[in-house]
């Protein structure tokens, strides 16, 4: 049974000095990727413990993405 569901490769988090806008854009892309992966895992989970795990991942990813969007809109 496959336990981990991932969509594509994780976006790179380049450590080079960036402007705050570029860093925020990169964090938004990473948060979107994490949200998509949590949805993908939730869709295929059958074990109740895995379902709970993906629910927590979804909630955390949604809150992070919402926070970053608010930061982006505040620029």
Protein backbone atom coordinates (compact mmCIF):
# COMPACT_ATOMS: atom_id res chain seq x y z
CA UNK A 1 0.00 0.00 0.00
CA UNK A 2 1.31 3.41 -0.94
CA UNK A 3 1.40 5.70 2.09
CA UNK A 4 2.77 8.96 0.71
CA UNK A 5 1.17 10.88 -2.12
CA UNK A 6 3.20 13.68 -3.67
CA UNK A 7 2.51 15.88 -6.65
CA UNK A 8 5.64 16.62 -8.66
CA UNK A 9 8.78 17.96 -7.10
CA UNK A 10 8.88 20.39 -4.24
CA UNK A 11 9.53 23.98 -5.36
CA UNK A 12 13.04 25.06 -4.50
CA UNK A 13 13.58 27.49 -1.67
CA UNK A 14 16.60 29.37 -2.94
CA UNK A 15 18.73 30.80 -0.17
CA UNK A 16 20.21 33.62 -2.24
CA UNK A 17 19.40 37.10 -1.04
CA UNK A 18 16.07 38.13 -2.49
CA UNK A 19 13.73 41.00 -2.20
CA UNK A 20 10.91 40.50 0.32
CA UNK A 21 8.44 40.23 -2.57
CA UNK A 22 10.41 37.41 -4.20
CA UNK A 23 10.74 35.56 -0.90
CA UNK A 24 7.01 35.91 -0.26
CA UNK A 25 6.18 34.71 -3.79
CA UNK A 26 8.42 31.68 -3.29
CA UNK A 27 6.77 30.93 0.07
CA UNK A 28 3.34 31.19 -1.55
CA UNK A 29 4.35 28.69 -4.23
CA UNK A 30 5.64 26.32 -1.58
CA UNK A 31 2.47 26.67 0.51
CA UNK A 32 0.32 25.98 -2.57
CA UNK A 33 2.37 22.87 -3.32
CA UNK A 34 1.94 21.66 0.28
CA UNK A 35 -1.81 22.29 0.08
CA UNK A 36 -2.12 20.39 -3.20
CA UNK A 37 -0.19 17.45 -1.75
CA UNK A 38 -2.35 17.34 1.35
CA UNK A 39 -5.49 17.27 -0.84
CA UNK A 40 -4.00 14.50 -2.98
CA UNK A 41 -3.16 12.40 0.06
CA UNK A 42 -6.57 12.95 1.62
CA UNK A 43 -8.36 11.80 -1.53
CA UNK A 44 -6.65 8.41 -1.49
CA UNK A 45 -6.42 7.75 2.25
CA UNK A 46 -8.51 4.86 3.52
CA UNK A 47 -7.10 4.27 7.00
CA UNK A 48 -8.81 6.41 9.68
CA UNK A 49 -5.44 7.44 11.17
CA UNK A 50 -4.19 8.59 7.77
CA UNK A 51 -7.41 10.51 7.18
CA UNK A 52 -6.91 12.33 10.50
CA UNK A 53 -3.31 13.06 9.56
CA UNK A 54 -4.30 14.56 6.22
CA UNK A 55 -7.05 16.64 7.86
CA UNK A 56 -4.44 18.20 10.16
CA UNK A 57 -2.09 18.75 7.20
CA UNK A 58 -4.89 20.40 5.22
CA UNK A 59 -5.80 22.72 8.07
CA UNK A 60 -2.18 23.74 8.64
CA UNK A 61 -1.51 24.25 4.92
CA UNK A 62 -4.70 26.30 4.47
CA UNK A 63 -3.87 28.56 7.40
CA UNK A 64 -0.32 29.10 6.17
CA UNK A 65 -1.49 29.82 2.62
CA UNK A 66 -4.18 32.23 3.89
CA UNK A 67 -1.61 34.03 6.06
CA UNK A 68 0.81 34.40 3.16
CA UNK A 69 -1.96 35.67 0.88
CA UNK A 70 -2.84 38.31 3.45
CA UNK A 71 0.82 39.31 3.59
CA UNK A 72 0.93 39.51 -0.21
CA UNK A 73 -2.21 41.65 -0.34
CA UNK A 74 -0.71 43.98 2.26
CA UNK A 75 2.27 44.86 0.04
